[in-house]
Amino acid sequence: MLKYAVVDIETTGGFASGNGITEISILIHDGLKVIESFETLINPRQDIPVYIQTLTGISNKMVYDAPLFEEVAPKIYELLNDKVFVAHNVNFDFSFVRHQLAQSGFVLQSKKLCTVRMSRKIIPGLPSYSLGKLCSSLHIPLNDRHRAGGDAAATALLLTLLLEKDTEGAIPLSLHKSSKEQLLPPNLSKDSIEALPANPGVYYFKDQKGKIIYIGKAINLRKRVYSHFSGNKINQQRQDFLRNIYEVDFTICGTELMALILEASEIQKYWPEKNRALKRFEQKYALYDFEDQNGYVRLGIDKYKKNTNALYTFNSLLSGQSLLRGMITEHRLCEKLCFIQKNRSACTAQEKGGCNGACLGQEDPAEYNQRVNEAILHLKSALPSFALIDSGRNEEEKSCLWIEGGKFYGMGYISFYTDITDLENLKSCIVPYPSNDYILNMVLSYAESHPQQRIDILKSIAL
């Protein structure tokens, strides 16, 4: 007969790798009733934070003479081995107990059953599934709240009720070897995961209020989302992450490249708290032009400002200055008017004959500005403009990415039967997206390795 080990623990903090267990209660349940129990305080070998002492009533003094975990580990392992590990938010309790047992030389490999998830499935529609409010709704007595014994006893009664009400076999199904039910966060329904397609795309994890807390991309949406929950990491970041996931949404993309682009754009748009790497990516510098009071058009590298007409953008000051120096040399521009030299009355090139004296006002602004404009046109003409045609979201469409003047313009979808040589019509199907070096480099790299999918764009169409 299948037996269950209903477990509740009290701890010094929220994640297993940096905290200890202060109390554990284990109730062995035969499917009808509790048949054996074990409960003890545990010395965690670290101070219990004051707020946790207030919450649980367990003080440093109470655990001072309590056994260390390794002293009771053989008994705990004996009780849990070959049983179904049951807890309210099972992944939290299981991560602590498994970690502590491993440190004591025991490997716990038990099936898990989460009474939060099973309550949502078997008794849907309740206002809250926290243990206290759930017990109140179901008239289950809950004594010694936030102590291991009291919470475990209430969870055992809840398990009895769930087993009685499980007329559709949700519990046996979740314990089946092929089921991934107990891997999932306690507040995320399995149906929402099963609804995910096996397509490339972008997925969005949302909290209880529907706020996006994490955005990711995938070649296979369902497989990738499941992978978030299959590991055994026990750090605080993972525990907090899983606890706050209540909903998953998604957008299908035609290709992995489009998913990468959409992911980067959406992270910059929504700024989710759990995303880190792509949040930090922003253009830092840009090449600008303006006319000064003396009528000279001046070029200069400055910090990038959103919603400005930058000629080109850079991720480093060095790369910007390198480009500008090349323009100065090729088109005989003035280093001083381009802000390369700042502390001289005339640039060094003027002394060597490489500057016509604009820095001293000796060259007519119109003549100088003509060379500046030629330099800008040459820069723009050297920047690539092309479309990439690839797979769509289904067999009836294709995808199109548009690069214009060395910048990522946008992407979209067209009918499979669209004439891709009609570039003006092709561009009309493109949805504009913000561009940065990260996105541009991905597209340029893909185009280089897939030249057969590239269609060069005439400058007249690009402009």
Protein backbone atom coordinates (compact mmCIF):
# COMPACT_ATOMS: atom_id res chain seq x y z
CA MET A 1 0.00 0.00 0.00
CA LEU A 2 1.24 3.46 -0.90
CA LYS A 3 2.29 5.48 2.13
CA TYR A 4 2.74 9.21 2.48
CA ALA A 5 5.18 11.17 4.65
CA VAL A 6 3.58 14.51 5.50
CA VAL A 7 6.38 16.91 6.34
CA ASP A 8 6.60 20.42 7.71
CA ILE A 9 9.73 22.26 8.76
CA GLU A 10 10.67 25.58 10.33
CA THR A 11 13.89 27.20 9.15
CA THR A 12 16.22 30.15 9.73
CA GLY A 13 15.55 31.54 6.23
CA GLY A 14 14.09 31.03 2.79
CA PHE A 15 16.68 28.92 0.94
CA ALA A 16 18.37 25.65 1.80
CA SER A 17 21.98 26.37 0.83
CA GLY A 18 22.40 29.21 3.33
CA ASN A 19 19.99 28.35 6.13
CA GLY A 20 19.20 25.58 8.57
CA ILE A 21 16.20 23.64 9.87
CA THR A 22 15.05 24.52 13.40
CA GLU A 23 12.15 22.06 13.67
CA ILE A 24 10.77 19.13 11.69
CA SER A 25 7.56 17.12 11.94
CA ILE A 26 6.90 13.96 9.93
CA LEU A 27 3.54 12.19 9.92
CA ILE A 28 3.28 8.83 8.16
CA HIS A 29 -0.11 8.53 6.45
CA ASP A 30 -1.47 5.26 5.02
CA GLY A 31 -4.01 6.93 2.74
CA LEU A 32 -6.73 6.92 5.39
CA LYS A 33 -5.10 8.19 8.56
CA VAL A 34 -1.83 8.99 10.33
CA ILE A 35 -0.16 5.84 11.62
CA GLU A 36 3.21 7.14 12.88
CA SER A 37 4.70 10.49 13.87
CA PHE A 38 8.07 12.08 14.55
CA GLU A 39 8.83 15.61 15.71
CA THR A 40 11.88 17.37 17.07
CA LEU A 41 13.57 20.72 17.41
CA ILE A 42 16.94 20.91 15.63
CA ASN A 43 20.01 23.00 16.38
CA PRO A 44 20.70 24.83 13.08
CA ARG A 45 24.22 25.91 14.11
CA GLN A 46 23.32 29.51 13.34
CA ASP A 47 21.32 32.29 14.94
CA ILE A 48 17.62 32.46 14.24
CA PRO A 49 16.67 35.94 12.94
CA VAL A 50 14.49 37.92 15.33
CA TYR A 51 11.58 38.19 12.89
CA ILE A 52 11.55 34.39 12.46
CA GLN A 53 11.67 33.91 16.23
CA THR A 54 8.61 36.18 16.43
CA LEU A 55 6.83 34.27 13.63
CA THR A 56 7.48 30.73 14.88
CA GLY A 57 8.07 31.23 18.59
CA ILE A 58 11.28 29.19 18.28
CA SER A 59 14.20 30.97 19.98
CA ASN A 60 17.94 30.39 20.01
CA LYS A 61 17.60 29.20 23.61
CA MET A 62 15.03 26.55 22.64
CA VAL A 63 17.30 24.94 20.04
CA TYR A 64 20.57 25.28 21.99
CA ASP A 65 20.36 21.76 23.45
CA ALA A 66 18.41 20.27 20.52
CA PRO A 67 20.07 17.56 18.39
CA LEU A 68 22.02 18.48 15.27
CA PHE A 69 20.41 17.40 12.01
CA GLU A 70 23.04 14.72 11.36
CA GLU A 71 22.14 13.13 14.70
CA VAL A 72 18.52 12.58 13.63
CA ALA A 73 19.24 12.12 9.92
CA PRO A 74 19.13 8.27 10.04
CA LYS A 75 15.67 8.35 11.61
CA ILE A 76 14.41 11.01 9.18
CA TYR A 77 15.71 9.06 6.19
CA GLU A 78 14.12 5.85 7.48
CA LEU A 79 10.75 7.58 7.74
CA LEU A 80 10.94 9.27 4.34
CA ASN A 81 12.51 6.51 2.25
CA ASP A 82 10.02 4.76 -0.08
CA LYS A 83 7.25 7.18 0.93
CA VAL A 84 5.59 9.97 -1.04
CA PHE A 85 6.97 13.24 0.33
CA VAL A 86 3.95 15.49 1.02
CA ALA A 87 4.05 19.15 2.00
CA HIS A 88 2.24 22.43 1.46
CA ASN A 89 4.51 23.99 -1.21
CA VAL A 90 6.46 20.75 -1.37
CA ASN A 91 9.52 22.02 -3.26
CA PHE A 92 10.44 24.33 -0.36
CA ASP A 93 10.38 21.63 2.36
CA PHE A 94 11.86 18.99 0.08
CA SER A 95 14.82 21.22 -0.91
CA PHE A 96 15.78 21.75 2.76
CA VAL A 97 15.36 18.13 3.87
CA ARG A 98 17.11 16.70 0.82
CA HIS A 99 20.01 19.16 1.23
CA GLN A 100 20.44 18.40 4.92
CA LEU A 101 20.23 14.63 4.34
CA ALA A 102 22.83 14.86 1.56
CA GLN A 103 25.21 16.65 3.93
CA SER A 104 24.68 13.77 6.36
CA GLY A 105 25.44 11.11 3.73
CA PHE A 106 21.89 10.15 2.69
CA VAL A 107 20.44 10.45 -0.81
CA LEU A 108 16.70 11.12 -0.78
CA GLN A 109 14.88 10.19 -3.98
CA SER A 110 11.18 10.37 -3.22
CA LYS A 111 8.12 11.14 -5.22
CA LYS A 112 6.63 14.48 -4.22
CA LEU A 113 3.07 15.65 -3.71
CA CYS A 114 2.21 19.32 -3.24
CA THR A 115 -1.01 19.98 -1.34
CA VAL A 116 -1.15 23.52 -2.77
CA ARG A 117 -1.23 22.23 -6.34
CA MET A 118 -3.59 19.34 -5.53
CA SER A 119 -5.96 21.66 -3.65
CA ARG A 120 -6.14 23.99 -6.64
CA LYS A 121 -6.88 21.03 -8.90
CA ILE A 122 -9.30 19.02 -6.73
CA ILE A 123 -11.01 21.91 -4.89
CA PRO A 124 -10.91 24.83 -7.35
CA GLY A 125 -12.39 28.27 -6.80
CA LEU A 126 -11.30 28.99 -3.24
CA PRO A 127 -10.21 32.56 -2.41
CA SER A 128 -6.73 31.51 -1.21
CA TYR A 129 -4.62 28.38 -1.04
CA SER A 130 -2.26 29.40 1.73
CA LEU A 131 -2.40 26.81 4.50
CA GLY A 132 -4.10 29.07 7.04
CA LYS A 133 -6.83 30.37 4.72
CA LEU A 134 -7.33 26.99 3.08
CA CYS A 135 -7.88 25.32 6.44
CA SER A 136 -10.34 28.08 7.37
CA SER A 137 -12.32 27.57 4.13
CA LEU A 138 -12.39 23.79 4.57
CA HIS A 139 -12.99 23.86 8.36
CA ILE A 140 -9.76 22.00 9.08
CA PRO A 141 -8.43 22.68 12.61
CA LEU A 142 -5.05 24.40 12.61
CA ASN A 143 -3.31 24.68 15.96
CA ASP A 144 0.20 26.00 16.70
CA ARG A 145 0.39 27.89 13.37
CA HIS A 146 3.96 28.27 12.08
CA ARG A 147 5.19 25.40 14.22
CA ALA A 148 6.13 22.21 12.42
CA GLY A 149 3.80 19.95 14.41
CA GLY A 150 0.71 22.11 14.02
CA ASP A 151 1.21 22.76 10.31
CA ALA A 152 2.02 19.10 9.58
CA ALA A 153 -1.11 17.92 11.42
CA ALA A 154 -3.29 20.31 9.41
CA THR A 155 -1.57 19.24 6.15
CA ALA A 156 -2.23 15.58 7.02
CA LEU A 157 -5.95 16.32 7.50
CA LEU A 158 -5.93 18.22 4.21
CA LEU A 159 -4.31 15.22 2.50
CA THR A 160 -7.04 12.94 3.86
CA LEU A 161 -9.70 15.28 2.47
CA LEU A 162 -7.98 15.52 -0.92
CA LEU A 163 -7.72 11.74 -1.20
CA GLU A 164 -11.44 11.45 -0.44
CA LYS A 165 -12.46 14.11 -2.97
CA ASP A 166 -10.10 12.99 -5.74
CA THR A 167 -12.76 11.27 -7.82
CA GLU A 168 -10.92 11.90 -11.10
CA GLY A 169 -7.58 10.44 -9.99
CA ALA A 170 -5.55 13.65 -10.01
CA ILE A 171 -3.25 12.47 -7.21
CA PRO A 172 -2.29 9.08 -8.77
CA LEU A 173 -1.82 10.84 -12.11
CA SER A 174 0.52 13.42 -10.59
CA LEU A 175 2.58 10.64 -8.97
CA HIS A 176 2.94 8.73 -12.23
CA LYS A 177 6.53 8.37 -13.37
CA SER A 178 5.93 10.39 -16.56
CA SER A 179 4.14 13.24 -14.77
CA LYS A 180 5.92 16.56 -14.28
CA GLU A 181 3.22 17.91 -11.99
CA GLN A 182 5.34 18.14 -8.85
CA LEU A 183 8.19 19.89 -10.64
CA LEU A 184 6.02 22.94 -11.26
CA PRO A 185 5.78 25.99 -8.99
CA PRO A 186 2.92 25.69 -6.48
CA ASN A 187 0.85 28.50 -8.02
CA LEU A 188 1.24 27.63 -11.72
CA SER A 189 -1.29 25.28 -13.28
CA LYS A 190 -0.08 22.39 -15.37
CA ASP A 191 -2.74 23.18 -17.98
CA SER A 192 -1.09 26.53 -18.70
CA ILE A 193 2.20 24.71 -19.38
CA GLU A 194 0.55 22.06 -21.52
CA ALA A 195 -1.07 24.83 -23.58
CA LEU A 196 2.39 26.02 -24.67
CA PRO A 197 3.24 25.05 -28.25
CA ALA A 198 6.47 23.40 -29.38
CA ASN A 199 7.30 26.41 -31.58
CA PRO A 200 10.02 29.04 -31.30
CA GLY A 201 8.91 32.08 -29.38
CA VAL A 202 9.04 34.25 -26.29
CA TYR A 203 7.47 33.37 -22.93
CA TYR A 204 6.46 35.63 -20.05
CA PHE A 205 6.26 34.59 -16.39
CA LYS A 206 3.79 36.71 -14.41
CA ASP A 207 3.18 37.18 -10.70
CA GLN A 208 -0.09 37.11 -8.76
CA LYS A 209 -1.05 40.58 -10.03
CA GLY A 210 -0.30 39.74 -13.65
CA LYS A 211 2.95 41.73 -13.72
CA ILE A 212 5.69 40.32 -15.94
CA ILE A 213 8.61 39.19 -13.77
CA TYR A 214 10.67 37.26 -16.35
CA ILE A 215 10.93 37.07 -20.14
CA GLY A 216 12.74 34.32 -22.02
CA LYS A 217 13.10 32.95 -25.54
CA ALA A 218 12.89 29.37 -26.75
CA ILE A 219 13.28 27.14 -29.79
CA ASN A 220 10.59 24.93 -28.21
CA LEU A 221 8.39 26.95 -25.84
CA ARG A 222 6.94 24.08 -23.83
CA LYS A 223 10.25 22.26 -23.41
CA ARG A 224 12.08 25.44 -22.39
CA VAL A 225 9.51 26.50 -19.80
CA TYR A 226 9.53 23.03 -18.23
CA SER A 227 13.32 23.21 -17.99
CA HIS A 228 13.04 26.13 -15.53
CA PHE A 229 11.49 23.77 -12.99
CA SER A 230 13.49 20.57 -13.48
CA GLY A 231 16.70 21.51 -11.64
CA ASN A 232 17.58 21.00 -7.99
CA LYS A 233 19.13 24.39 -7.21
CA ILE A 234 18.49 25.39 -3.62
CA ASN A 235 19.57 29.04 -3.61
CA GLN A 236 17.35 31.92 -2.60
CA GLN A 237 17.05 33.30 -6.12
CA ARG A 238 15.48 30.10 -7.42
CA GLN A 239 13.15 29.71 -4.42
CA ASP A 240 11.87 33.29 -4.76
CA PHE A 241 11.54 32.90 -8.51
CA LEU A 242 9.41 29.75 -8.33
CA ARG A 243 7.23 31.06 -5.50
CA ASN A 244 6.17 34.14 -7.48
CA ILE A 245 5.15 32.47 -10.76
CA TYR A 246 1.38 32.37 -11.15
CA GLU A 247 0.91 32.56 -14.92
CA VAL A 248 2.80 31.99 -18.16
CA ASP A 249 2.02 33.73 -21.45
CA PHE A 250 3.74 33.41 -24.81
CA THR A 251 4.21 34.80 -28.32
CA ILE A 252 5.01 32.44 -31.19
CA CYS A 253 7.82 33.47 -33.53
CA GLY A 254 8.75 32.14 -36.96
CA THR A 255 12.41 31.53 -36.10
CA GLU A 256 14.81 31.41 -33.18
CA LEU A 257 16.41 34.64 -34.43
CA MET A 258 13.07 36.46 -34.28
CA ALA A 259 12.55 35.07 -30.77
CA LEU A 260 15.96 36.43 -29.72
CA ILE A 261 15.11 39.86 -31.12
CA LEU A 262 11.66 39.93 -29.54
CA GLU A 263 13.08 38.82 -26.19
CA ALA A 264 15.64 41.63 -26.20
CA SER A 265 13.02 44.22 -27.19
CA GLU A 266 10.47 43.05 -24.62
CA ILE A 267 13.02 43.06 -21.79
CA GLN A 268 13.92 46.65 -22.60
CA LYS A 269 10.20 47.50 -22.75
CA TYR A 270 8.96 45.81 -19.57
CA TRP A 271 12.15 45.71 -17.47
CA PRO A 272 11.25 42.47 -15.58
CA GLU A 273 12.82 42.17 -12.13
CA LYS A 274 14.17 38.65 -12.72
CA ASN A 275 15.93 39.46 -16.01
CA ARG A 276 19.43 40.81 -15.64
CA ALA A 277 21.82 40.45 -18.58
CA LEU A 278 19.79 42.07 -21.36
CA LYS A 279 18.47 44.78 -19.04
CA ARG A 280 21.98 46.13 -18.78
CA PHE A 281 22.49 46.39 -22.54
CA GLU A 282 22.03 49.92 -23.82
CA GLN A 283 23.75 51.95 -26.50
CA LYS A 284 26.27 54.18 -24.76
CA TYR A 285 27.63 56.52 -27.45
CA ALA A 286 26.55 58.00 -30.77
CA LEU A 287 27.85 60.13 -33.65
CA TYR A 288 25.98 63.43 -33.99
CA ASP A 289 26.18 66.41 -36.35
CA PHE A 290 25.16 70.02 -35.79
CA GLU A 291 25.92 73.49 -37.19
CA ASP A 292 27.82 75.87 -34.93
CA GLN A 293 27.48 79.65 -34.67
CA ASN A 294 30.10 80.16 -37.37
CA GLY A 295 28.20 78.05 -39.88
CA TYR A 296 30.44 74.95 -39.73
CA VAL A 297 28.79 71.52 -39.57
CA ARG A 298 30.49 69.71 -36.74
CA LEU A 299 30.72 66.00 -36.02
CA GLY A 300 31.20 64.60 -32.55
CA ILE A 301 30.86 61.53 -30.33
CA ASP A 302 28.60 62.02 -27.33
CA LYS A 303 26.62 59.85 -24.92
CA TYR A 304 23.67 58.28 -26.66
CA LYS A 305 20.33 59.96 -25.98
CA LYS A 306 17.04 58.32 -26.80
CA ASN A 307 14.81 59.95 -29.41
CA THR A 308 17.69 61.85 -31.03
CA ASN A 309 18.83 61.76 -34.67
CA ALA A 310 22.13 59.97 -34.22
CA LEU A 311 24.11 59.25 -37.38
CA TYR A 312 25.47 56.03 -35.87
CA THR A 313 25.61 54.37 -32.46
CA PHE A 314 28.40 52.59 -30.60
CA ASN A 315 28.77 50.46 -27.52
CA SER A 316 32.15 52.00 -26.65
CA LEU A 317 33.76 55.43 -26.91
CA LEU A 318 36.85 53.87 -28.50
CA SER A 319 34.93 52.38 -31.43
CA GLY A 320 33.16 55.71 -32.00
CA GLN A 321 36.38 57.70 -32.03
CA SER A 322 38.01 55.15 -34.33
CA LEU A 323 35.22 55.59 -36.90
CA LEU A 324 35.34 59.38 -36.61
CA ARG A 325 39.13 59.49 -37.08
CA GLY A 326 38.74 57.46 -40.26
CA MET A 327 36.17 59.95 -41.59
CA ILE A 328 38.51 62.85 -40.71
CA THR A 329 41.43 61.32 -42.57
CA GLU A 330 39.49 60.25 -45.65
CA HIS A 331 37.60 63.53 -46.11
CA ARG A 332 40.16 66.07 -44.79
CA LEU A 333 37.98 67.16 -41.90
CA CYS A 334 39.19 69.22 -38.96
CA GLU A 335 40.09 67.30 -35.79
CA LYS A 336 39.27 70.34 -33.66
CA LEU A 337 35.82 70.82 -35.21
CA CYS A 338 35.22 67.08 -34.66
CA PHE A 339 36.19 67.39 -30.96
CA ILE A 340 39.15 65.02 -31.31
CA GLN A 341 41.44 67.84 -30.20
CA LYS A 342 40.19 70.38 -27.67
CA ASN A 343 43.08 72.29 -26.12
CA ARG A 344 44.63 73.91 -29.20
CA SER A 345 43.78 76.96 -31.27
CA ALA A 346 44.42 74.92 -34.42
CA CYS A 347 44.47 71.19 -34.99
CA THR A 348 47.77 69.39 -35.58
CA ALA A 349 46.62 68.36 -39.06
CA GLN A 350 46.46 72.05 -40.07
CA GLU A 351 50.16 72.43 -39.32
CA LYS A 352 50.93 69.38 -41.49
CA GLY A 353 48.64 70.39 -44.33
CA GLY A 354 45.94 67.85 -43.57
CA CYS A 355 43.35 70.50 -42.63
CA ASN A 356 42.36 73.52 -44.72
CA GLY A 357 42.15 75.80 -41.69
CA ALA A 358 38.49 75.52 -40.71
CA CYS A 359 39.58 75.47 -37.06
CA LEU A 360 41.06 78.98 -37.59
CA GLY A 361 38.18 80.23 -39.73
CA GLN A 362 40.39 80.25 -42.81
CA GLU A 363 38.24 77.87 -44.85
CA ASP A 364 34.86 78.90 -46.18
CA PRO A 365 32.10 77.05 -44.17
CA ALA A 366 30.29 76.05 -47.38
CA GLU A 367 33.36 74.28 -48.73
CA TYR A 368 34.04 72.54 -45.42
CA ASN A 369 30.40 71.56 -44.96
CA GLN A 370 30.36 69.98 -48.42
CA ARG A 371 33.10 67.56 -47.34
CA VAL A 372 31.30 66.85 -44.06
CA ASN A 373 28.11 66.01 -45.95
CA GLU A 374 30.08 63.80 -48.33
CA ALA A 375 31.56 62.00 -45.33
CA ILE A 376 28.09 61.44 -43.88
CA LEU A 377 26.73 60.18 -47.21
CA HIS A 378 29.71 57.88 -47.58
CA LEU A 379 29.08 56.51 -44.09
CA LYS A 380 25.43 55.86 -44.85
CA SER A 381 26.21 54.26 -48.21
CA ALA A 382 28.70 51.91 -46.56
CA LEU A 383 26.10 50.72 -44.05
CA PRO A 384 24.19 47.60 -45.16
CA SER A 385 20.54 47.58 -46.17
CA PHE A 386 18.90 44.22 -46.80
CA ALA A 387 15.96 41.95 -46.00
CA LEU A 388 16.17 38.41 -44.58
CA ILE A 389 13.45 35.98 -45.67
CA ASP A 390 12.94 32.92 -43.48
CA SER A 391 10.30 30.54 -42.09
CA GLY A 392 7.01 31.88 -40.77
CA ARG A 393 4.86 30.74 -37.86
CA ASN A 394 3.06 28.27 -40.11
CA GLU A 395 3.24 26.88 -43.62
CA GLU A 396 1.15 29.72 -45.04
CA GLU A 397 3.61 32.51 -44.26
CA LYS A 398 7.23 33.63 -44.28
CA SER A 399 9.11 35.92 -41.93
CA CYS A 400 11.02 39.03 -42.94
CA LEU A 401 13.69 41.00 -41.07
CA TRP A 402 14.65 44.44 -42.41
CA ILE A 403 18.07 46.11 -42.00
CA GLU A 404 18.26 49.70 -43.23
CA GLY A 405 21.29 51.96 -43.17
CA GLY A 406 23.19 49.72 -40.80
CA LYS A 407 20.35 49.63 -38.29
CA PHE A 408 17.76 47.00 -37.49
CA TYR A 409 14.50 48.52 -38.76
CA GLY A 410 12.01 45.82 -37.77
CA MET A 411 10.46 42.46 -38.61
CA GLY A 412 7.15 40.96 -39.61
CA TYR A 413 5.32 38.22 -41.49
CA ILE A 414 4.17 37.95 -45.10
CA SER A 415 2.09 35.47 -47.05
CA PHE A 416 4.01 32.50 -48.38
CA TYR A 417 2.90 33.61 -51.85
CA THR A 418 4.07 37.23 -51.53
CA ASP A 419 6.38 38.46 -54.29
CA ILE A 420 9.55 39.05 -52.26
CA THR A 421 11.08 41.06 -55.12
CA ASP A 422 8.46 43.76 -54.51
CA LEU A 423 10.50 45.43 -51.80
CA GLU A 424 8.21 48.42 -51.25
CA ASN A 425 5.30 46.09 -50.50
CA LEU A 426 7.62 43.94 -48.39
CA LYS A 427 8.63 46.90 -46.21
CA SER A 428 4.98 47.82 -45.64
CA CYS A 429 4.55 44.52 -43.75
CA ILE A 430 7.39 45.27 -41.34
CA VAL A 431 6.67 46.26 -37.73
CA PRO A 432 9.36 48.71 -36.52
CA TYR A 433 11.46 47.65 -33.52
CA PRO A 434 14.14 49.53 -31.57
CA SER A 435 17.68 48.76 -32.72
CA ASN A 436 20.89 48.29 -30.76
CA ASP A 437 24.26 46.67 -31.36
CA TYR A 438 23.16 43.43 -29.69
CA ILE A 439 20.25 42.94 -32.10
CA LEU A 440 22.13 44.26 -35.14
CA ASN A 441 25.09 41.95 -34.59
CA MET A 442 22.80 38.93 -34.27
CA VAL A 443 21.10 39.75 -37.58
CA LEU A 444 24.38 40.53 -39.40
CA SER A 445 25.93 37.29 -38.14
CA TYR A 446 22.91 35.27 -39.27
CA ALA A 447 22.90 36.98 -42.69
CA GLU A 448 26.57 36.20 -43.16
CA SER A 449 26.02 32.49 -42.50
CA HIS A 450 22.77 32.35 -44.54
CA PRO A 451 23.48 34.46 -47.67
CA GLN A 452 20.81 32.64 -49.67
CA GLN A 453 18.11 34.27 -47.50
CA ARG A 454 19.40 37.82 -47.99
CA ILE A 455 17.88 40.33 -50.43
CA ASP A 456 19.83 43.57 -50.85
CA ILE A 457 17.72 46.72 -50.71
CA LEU A 458 18.14 49.59 -53.16
CA LYS A 459 18.99 52.88 -51.45
CA SER A 460 15.93 54.55 -52.99
CA ILE A 461 13.64 52.06 -51.27
CA ALA A 462 15.53 52.22 -47.99
CA LEU A 463 15.25 56.00 -47.89
